[in-house]
Amino acid sequence: MRVVLVVVTLVAVLLAGCSDASEGKYGEDLFGTTCAHCHGSDLAGGVGPPLGAGSGAASLTDEQIAGVIDVGPGAMPSFASRLTDEQVESLIDYLRERQGS
């Protein structure tokens, strides 16, 4: 019985630590935890392409950017099941602010 209790407690603790890093985050905070490691905190790119002013992303429409976030073309993962529509909108708003548009 003790072993079962220990296993159940261990599983509960492990599952509690598996929360999504993007949960409850928007705008700059969401970008920092979800996008910056590939696109750079300064939007200059890295593993992923640059997203700042003068980049290809700056010339995309908001709908196109939302599509990229949802689909995740190429090596970029899809975020359709991980981000809410409101979170995607907040990312686009953050990008536009940083792009100066």
Protein backbone atom coordinates (compact mmCIF):
# COMPACT_ATOMS: atom_id res chain seq x y z
CA MET A 1 0.00 0.00 0.00
CA ARG A 2 2.84 2.38 0.82
CA VAL A 3 4.44 1.82 -2.57
CA VAL A 4 1.17 2.71 -4.32
CA LEU A 5 0.86 5.92 -2.29
CA VAL A 6 4.44 6.90 -3.10
CA VAL A 7 3.94 6.22 -6.83
CA VAL A 8 0.66 8.19 -6.94
CA THR A 9 2.28 11.11 -5.13
CA LEU A 10 5.29 11.05 -7.46
CA VAL A 11 3.07 11.02 -10.56
CA ALA A 12 1.02 13.93 -9.21
CA VAL A 13 4.15 15.98 -8.57
CA LEU A 14 5.54 15.24 -12.04
CA LEU A 15 2.29 16.15 -13.75
CA ALA A 16 2.07 19.40 -11.81
CA GLY A 17 5.45 20.40 -13.23
CA CYS A 18 4.35 19.78 -16.83
CA SER A 19 2.38 22.98 -17.34
CA ASP A 20 2.68 24.73 -20.68
CA ALA A 21 5.17 27.62 -20.58
CA SER A 22 2.79 29.75 -22.66
CA GLU A 23 -0.21 29.31 -20.40
CA GLY A 24 -1.63 32.65 -19.26
CA LYS A 25 1.03 34.69 -21.06
CA TYR A 26 0.55 37.38 -23.68
CA GLY A 27 2.57 39.83 -25.77
CA GLU A 28 6.15 40.33 -24.70
CA ASP A 29 6.04 37.63 -22.00
CA LEU A 30 4.62 35.11 -24.46
CA PHE A 31 7.20 36.03 -27.10
CA GLY A 32 9.97 35.60 -24.52
CA THR A 33 8.92 32.09 -23.54
CA THR A 34 7.67 30.83 -26.91
CA CYS A 35 9.48 32.62 -29.74
CA ALA A 36 12.66 34.38 -28.57
CA HIS A 37 14.81 31.25 -28.35
CA CYS A 38 14.56 30.88 -32.16
CA HIS A 39 13.80 34.40 -33.39
CA GLY A 40 15.95 36.27 -30.85
CA SER A 41 14.77 38.50 -28.04
CA ASP A 42 15.77 41.43 -30.26
CA LEU A 43 13.84 39.92 -33.24
CA ALA A 44 17.11 39.70 -35.19
CA GLY A 45 16.72 35.98 -35.83
CA GLY A 46 18.94 33.04 -35.05
CA VAL A 47 17.62 29.55 -35.58
CA GLY A 48 14.49 31.15 -37.02
CA PRO A 49 14.31 34.13 -39.36
CA PRO A 50 14.34 37.73 -38.15
CA LEU A 51 10.97 39.30 -37.33
CA GLY A 52 11.91 42.94 -36.75
CA ALA A 53 11.56 46.04 -38.87
CA GLY A 54 12.69 45.48 -42.45
CA SER A 55 12.32 41.70 -42.19
CA GLY A 56 10.12 39.54 -44.37
CA ALA A 57 7.75 39.19 -41.43
CA ALA A 58 7.25 42.95 -41.32
CA SER A 59 5.79 42.83 -44.84
CA LEU A 60 3.27 40.09 -44.00
CA THR A 61 -0.33 40.86 -43.12
CA ASP A 62 -1.57 40.08 -39.62
CA GLU A 63 -3.58 37.18 -41.08
CA GLN A 64 -0.46 35.76 -42.74
CA ILE A 65 1.50 35.95 -39.49
CA ALA A 66 -1.35 34.22 -37.65
CA GLY A 67 -1.27 31.50 -40.31
CA VAL A 68 2.47 31.02 -39.86
CA ILE A 69 2.03 30.72 -36.10
CA ASP A 70 -0.81 28.22 -36.52
CA VAL A 71 0.75 26.07 -39.26
CA GLY A 72 4.42 26.31 -38.35
CA PRO A 73 5.99 25.99 -41.79
CA GLY A 74 9.38 24.35 -42.31
CA ALA A 75 11.25 23.66 -39.09
CA MET A 76 8.92 25.87 -37.04
CA PRO A 77 6.45 23.88 -34.95
CA SER A 78 2.71 24.50 -35.17
CA PHE A 79 1.28 26.45 -32.26
CA ALA A 80 -2.37 25.91 -33.23
CA SER A 81 -3.04 23.61 -30.29
CA ARG A 82 -0.83 25.51 -27.83
CA LEU A 83 -1.94 29.14 -28.20
CA THR A 84 -5.35 30.74 -28.00
CA ASP A 85 -6.56 33.20 -30.63
CA GLU A 86 -6.06 35.97 -28.05
CA GLN A 87 -2.46 34.90 -27.48
CA VAL A 88 -1.76 34.88 -31.23
CA GLU A 89 -3.28 38.37 -31.52
CA SER A 90 -1.10 39.54 -28.63
CA LEU A 91 2.01 38.19 -30.36
CA ILE A 92 1.10 40.00 -33.57
CA ASP A 93 0.45 43.22 -31.65
CA TYR A 94 3.82 42.84 -29.91
CA LEU A 95 5.60 42.24 -33.23
CA ARG A 96 3.94 45.25 -34.85
CA GLU A 97 4.91 47.43 -31.90
CA ARG A 98 8.52 46.26 -32.10
CA GLN A 99 8.55 46.64 -35.89
CA GLY A 100 7.41 50.21 -35.51
CA SER A 101 4.22 49.73 -37.49
